[in-house]
Amino acid sequence: MYGNAMTPRRVGILGMIFSLGIAVVAGMLIPQSPTAILGALLLVAASIGFAISTTWLYRKSWEKDSWPTLDLSAARYKRRLRRVAIFQGFLTLVLVCGAVWDATQGNFGMLLIPALSIVNVLFLIRRYRIAVSPENTDESEP
């Protein structure tokens, strides 16, 4: 009737729904002290199951070589890097402001997170400069 009933896409959707159900059950088990460890382990298992299920959504069939190709043009790669850099810059600004606020309140434990975010932005800028350098340009681009 439906051909191959259990395609990777269907299994991925069912796996995501099942993982969400397990995560909800885990969330109910965590606040109670006798079952807190079991709830935490179930939450980890649900997170892993959800991640695996989302990767199955991209497969066309269960054959070994059915993963989609990841051919990106240079222009598309540059646009993607630019969008990620803008988002990361905004996130870094928010994290630095939050860390300054925490430091003024006497909590210095959160200073590492914006520092790592700033390092990440610097690496992103470096990758973008490499992508737009003259030796990496494509003559077929408009």
C-alpha atoms as a PDB file:
ATOM      1  CA  MET A   1       0.000   0.000   0.000  1.00  0.00           C
ATOM      2  CA  TYR A   2       2.654   2.592   1.015  1.00  0.00           C
ATOM      3  CA  GLY A   3       5.699   0.786  -0.410  1.00  0.00           C
ATOM      4  CA  ASN A   4       8.465   0.768   2.157  1.00  0.00           C
ATOM      5  CA  ALA A   5       6.464   1.789   5.232  1.00  0.00           C
ATOM      6  CA  MET A   6       9.422   2.597   7.474  1.00  0.00           C
ATOM      7  CA  THR A   7      11.380   5.176   5.544  1.00  0.00           C
ATOM      8  CA  PRO A   8      14.111   7.084   7.396  1.00  0.00           C
ATOM      9  CA  ARG A   9      11.916  10.192   7.443  1.00  0.00           C
ATOM     10  CA  ARG A  10       9.027   8.376   9.126  1.00  0.00           C
ATOM     11  CA  VAL A  11      11.331   6.689  11.620  1.00  0.00           C
ATOM     12  CA  GLY A  12      12.949  10.065  12.333  1.00  0.00           C
ATOM     13  CA  ILE A  13       9.597  11.725  13.035  1.00  0.00           C
ATOM     14  CA  LEU A  14       8.444   8.831  15.223  1.00  0.00           C
ATOM     15  CA  GLY A  15      11.793   8.834  17.047  1.00  0.00           C
ATOM     16  CA  MET A  16      11.518  12.557  17.719  1.00  0.00           C
ATOM     17  CA  ILE A  17       7.996  12.175  19.108  1.00  0.00           C
ATOM     18  CA  PHE A  18       9.074   9.197  21.247  1.00  0.00           C
ATOM     19  CA  SER A  19      12.116  11.127  22.520  1.00  0.00           C
ATOM     20  CA  LEU A  20       9.946  14.102  23.451  1.00  0.00           C
ATOM     21  CA  GLY A  21       7.674  11.763  25.414  1.00  0.00           C
ATOM     22  CA  ILE A  22      10.657  10.301  27.265  1.00  0.00           C
ATOM     23  CA  ALA A  23      11.924  13.831  27.996  1.00  0.00           C
ATOM     24  CA  VAL A  24       8.557  14.799  29.493  1.00  0.00           C
ATOM     25  CA  VAL A  25       8.577  11.681  31.711  1.00  0.00           C
ATOM     26  CA  ALA A  26      12.178  12.455  32.714  1.00  0.00           C
ATOM     27  CA  GLY A  27      11.165  16.008  33.605  1.00  0.00           C
ATOM     28  CA  MET A  28       8.522  14.618  35.950  1.00  0.00           C
ATOM     29  CA  LEU A  29      10.996  12.210  37.565  1.00  0.00           C
ATOM     30  CA  ILE A  30      13.808  14.699  38.215  1.00  0.00           C
ATOM     31  CA  PRO A  31      12.138  16.803  40.995  1.00  0.00           C
ATOM     32  CA  GLN A  32      11.442  13.736  43.155  1.00  0.00           C
ATOM     33  CA  SER A  33      14.551  12.686  45.049  1.00  0.00           C
ATOM     34  CA  PRO A  34      14.145   8.860  44.808  1.00  0.00           C
ATOM     35  CA  THR A  35      13.921   8.996  41.010  1.00  0.00           C
ATOM     36  CA  ALA A  36      16.096  12.026  40.213  1.00  0.00           C
ATOM     37  CA  ILE A  37      19.057  10.031  38.874  1.00  0.00           C
ATOM     38  CA  LEU A  38      16.783   7.870  36.723  1.00  0.00           C
ATOM     39  CA  GLY A  39      15.131  11.046  35.399  1.00  0.00           C
ATOM     40  CA  ALA A  40      18.501  12.569  34.529  1.00  0.00           C
ATOM     41  CA  LEU A  41      19.585   9.405  32.710  1.00  0.00           C
ATOM     42  CA  LEU A  42      16.289   9.303  30.808  1.00  0.00           C
ATOM     43  CA  LEU A  43      16.734  12.949  29.837  1.00  0.00           C
ATOM     44  CA  VAL A  44      20.193  12.181  28.446  1.00  0.00           C
ATOM     45  CA  ALA A  45      18.813   9.200  26.521  1.00  0.00           C
ATOM     46  CA  ALA A  46      15.955  11.326  25.154  1.00  0.00           C
ATOM     47  CA  SER A  47      18.396  14.014  24.006  1.00  0.00           C
ATOM     48  CA  ILE A  48      20.573  11.471  22.215  1.00  0.00           C
ATOM     49  CA  GLY A  49      17.521   9.807  20.659  1.00  0.00           C
ATOM     50  CA  PHE A  50      16.198  13.158  19.456  1.00  0.00           C
ATOM     51  CA  ALA A  51      19.544  14.042  17.866  1.00  0.00           C
ATOM     52  CA  ILE A  52      19.783  10.706  16.064  1.00  0.00           C
ATOM     53  CA  SER A  53      16.172  10.982  14.899  1.00  0.00           C
ATOM     54  CA  THR A  54      16.733  14.434  13.413  1.00  0.00           C
ATOM     55  CA  THR A  55      19.704  13.174  11.408  1.00  0.00           C
ATOM     56  CA  TRP A  56      17.511  10.393   9.966  1.00  0.00           C
ATOM     57  CA  LEU A  57      15.198  13.050   8.529  1.00  0.00           C
ATOM     58  CA  TYR A  58      17.849  13.874   5.913  1.00  0.00           C
ATOM     59  CA  ARG A  59      18.225  10.336   4.539  1.00  0.00           C
ATOM     60  CA  LYS A  60      16.284   9.338   1.438  1.00  0.00           C
ATOM     61  CA  SER A  61      16.487   5.582   2.035  1.00  0.00           C
ATOM     62  CA  TRP A  62      18.200   3.039   4.250  1.00  0.00           C
ATOM     63  CA  GLU A  63      20.905   2.371   1.647  1.00  0.00           C
ATOM     64  CA  LYS A  64      24.497   2.960   2.689  1.00  0.00           C
ATOM     65  CA  ASP A  65      25.104   5.952   0.386  1.00  0.00           C
ATOM     66  CA  SER A  66      21.808   7.780   0.750  1.00  0.00           C
ATOM     67  CA  TRP A  67      23.044  10.850   2.628  1.00  0.00           C
ATOM     68  CA  PRO A  68      22.510  14.157   0.816  1.00  0.00           C
ATOM     69  CA  THR A  69      25.498  15.899  -0.731  1.00  0.00           C
ATOM     70  CA  LEU A  70      26.759  19.072   0.876  1.00  0.00           C
ATOM     71  CA  ASP A  71      27.956  20.988  -2.160  1.00  0.00           C
ATOM     72  CA  LEU A  72      27.912  24.679  -1.258  1.00  0.00           C
ATOM     73  CA  SER A  73      28.892  27.383  -3.679  1.00  0.00           C
ATOM     74  CA  ALA A  74      31.422  29.921  -2.469  1.00  0.00           C
ATOM     75  CA  ALA A  75      28.809  32.684  -2.441  1.00  0.00           C
ATOM     76  CA  ARG A  76      26.375  30.611  -0.388  1.00  0.00           C
ATOM     77  CA  TYR A  77      29.153  29.653   2.050  1.00  0.00           C
ATOM     78  CA  LYS A  78      30.062  33.332   2.491  1.00  0.00           C
ATOM     79  CA  ARG A  79      26.419  34.308   3.101  1.00  0.00           C
ATOM     80  CA  ARG A  80      26.085  31.546   5.687  1.00  0.00           C
ATOM     81  CA  LEU A  81      29.276  32.640   7.437  1.00  0.00           C
ATOM     82  CA  ARG A  82      28.062  36.240   7.445  1.00  0.00           C
ATOM     83  CA  ARG A  83      24.708  35.280   9.019  1.00  0.00           C
ATOM     84  CA  VAL A  84      26.411  33.132  11.656  1.00  0.00           C
ATOM     85  CA  ALA A  85      28.864  35.939  12.430  1.00  0.00           C
ATOM     86  CA  ILE A  86      26.039  38.473  12.892  1.00  0.00           C
ATOM     87  CA  PHE A  87      24.127  36.119  15.194  1.00  0.00           C
ATOM     88  CA  GLN A  88      27.269  35.207  17.141  1.00  0.00           C
ATOM     89  CA  GLY A  89      28.169  38.881  17.522  1.00  0.00           C
ATOM     90  CA  PHE A  90      24.708  39.656  18.920  1.00  0.00           C
ATOM     91  CA  LEU A  91      24.914  36.655  21.273  1.00  0.00           C
ATOM     92  CA  THR A  92      28.378  37.723  22.430  1.00  0.00           C
ATOM     93  CA  LEU A  93      27.093  41.238  23.161  1.00  0.00           C
ATOM     94  CA  VAL A  94      24.249  39.804  25.266  1.00  0.00           C
ATOM     95  CA  LEU A  95      26.628  37.468  27.121  1.00  0.00           C
ATOM     96  CA  VAL A  96      29.147  40.232  27.836  1.00  0.00           C
ATOM     97  CA  CYS A  97      26.375  42.492  29.156  1.00  0.00           C
ATOM     98  CA  GLY A  98      25.105  39.646  31.345  1.00  0.00           C
ATOM     99  CA  ALA A  99      28.597  38.948  32.651  1.00  0.00           C
ATOM    100  CA  VAL A 100      29.154  42.626  33.479  1.00  0.00           C
ATOM    101  CA  TRP A 101      25.823  42.675  35.295  1.00  0.00           C
ATOM    102  CA  ASP A 102      26.772  39.532  37.252  1.00  0.00           C
ATOM    103  CA  ALA A 103      30.188  40.995  38.083  1.00  0.00           C
ATOM    104  CA  THR A 104      28.575  44.146  39.465  1.00  0.00           C
ATOM    105  CA  GLN A 105      26.412  41.915  41.678  1.00  0.00           C
ATOM    106  CA  GLY A 106      29.509  40.117  43.009  1.00  0.00           C
ATOM    107  CA  ASN A 107      29.144  36.888  40.992  1.00  0.00           C
ATOM    108  CA  PHE A 108      32.317  36.348  38.967  1.00  0.00           C
ATOM    109  CA  GLY A 109      31.643  32.735  37.960  1.00  0.00           C
ATOM    110  CA  MET A 110      29.949  33.618  34.664  1.00  0.00           C
ATOM    111  CA  LEU A 111      32.896  35.535  33.167  1.00  0.00           C
ATOM    112  CA  LEU A 112      34.217  32.469  31.312  1.00  0.00           C
ATOM    113  CA  ILE A 113      31.167  32.127  29.029  1.00  0.00           C
ATOM    114  CA  PRO A 114      31.464  35.540  27.298  1.00  0.00           C
ATOM    115  CA  ALA A 115      35.232  35.100  27.083  1.00  0.00           C
ATOM    116  CA  LEU A 116      34.744  31.855  25.148  1.00  0.00           C
ATOM    117  CA  SER A 117      32.107  33.537  22.999  1.00  0.00           C
ATOM    118  CA  ILE A 118      34.534  36.357  22.138  1.00  0.00           C
ATOM    119  CA  VAL A 119      37.166  33.783  21.132  1.00  0.00           C
ATOM    120  CA  ASN A 120      34.542  32.072  18.959  1.00  0.00           C
ATOM    121  CA  VAL A 121      33.718  35.384  17.223  1.00  0.00           C
ATOM    122  CA  LEU A 122      37.408  35.954  16.523  1.00  0.00           C
ATOM    123  CA  PHE A 123      37.718  32.515  14.925  1.00  0.00           C
ATOM    124  CA  LEU A 124      34.567  33.188  12.884  1.00  0.00           C
ATOM    125  CA  ILE A 125      35.984  36.475  11.612  1.00  0.00           C
ATOM    126  CA  ARG A 126      39.189  34.659  10.652  1.00  0.00           C
ATOM    127  CA  ARG A 127      37.236  32.011   8.712  1.00  0.00           C
ATOM    128  CA  TYR A 128      35.242  34.714   6.935  1.00  0.00           C
ATOM    129  CA  ARG A 129      38.400  36.576   5.933  1.00  0.00           C
ATOM    130  CA  ILE A 130      39.859  33.348   4.540  1.00  0.00           C
ATOM    131  CA  ALA A 131      36.620  32.711   2.607  1.00  0.00           C
ATOM    132  CA  VAL A 132      36.607  36.162   0.995  1.00  0.00           C
ATOM    133  CA  SER A 133      40.334  36.311   0.279  1.00  0.00           C
ATOM    134  CA  PRO A 134      41.264  36.721  -3.426  1.00  0.00           C
ATOM    135  CA  GLU A 135      42.713  33.220  -3.778  1.00  0.00           C
ATOM    136  CA  ASN A 136      39.377  31.690  -2.642  1.00  0.00           C
ATOM    137  CA  THR A 137      37.090  33.656  -4.953  1.00  0.00           C
ATOM    138  CA  ASP A 138      35.232  31.918  -7.740  1.00  0.00           C
ATOM    139  CA  GLU A 139      35.270  33.566 -11.150  1.00  0.00           C
ATOM    140  CA  SER A 140      31.796  32.194 -11.969  1.00  0.00           C
ATOM    141  CA  GLU A 141      30.177  34.353  -9.281  1.00  0.00           C
ATOM    142  CA  PRO A 142      28.386  37.540 -10.387  1.00  0.00           C
END
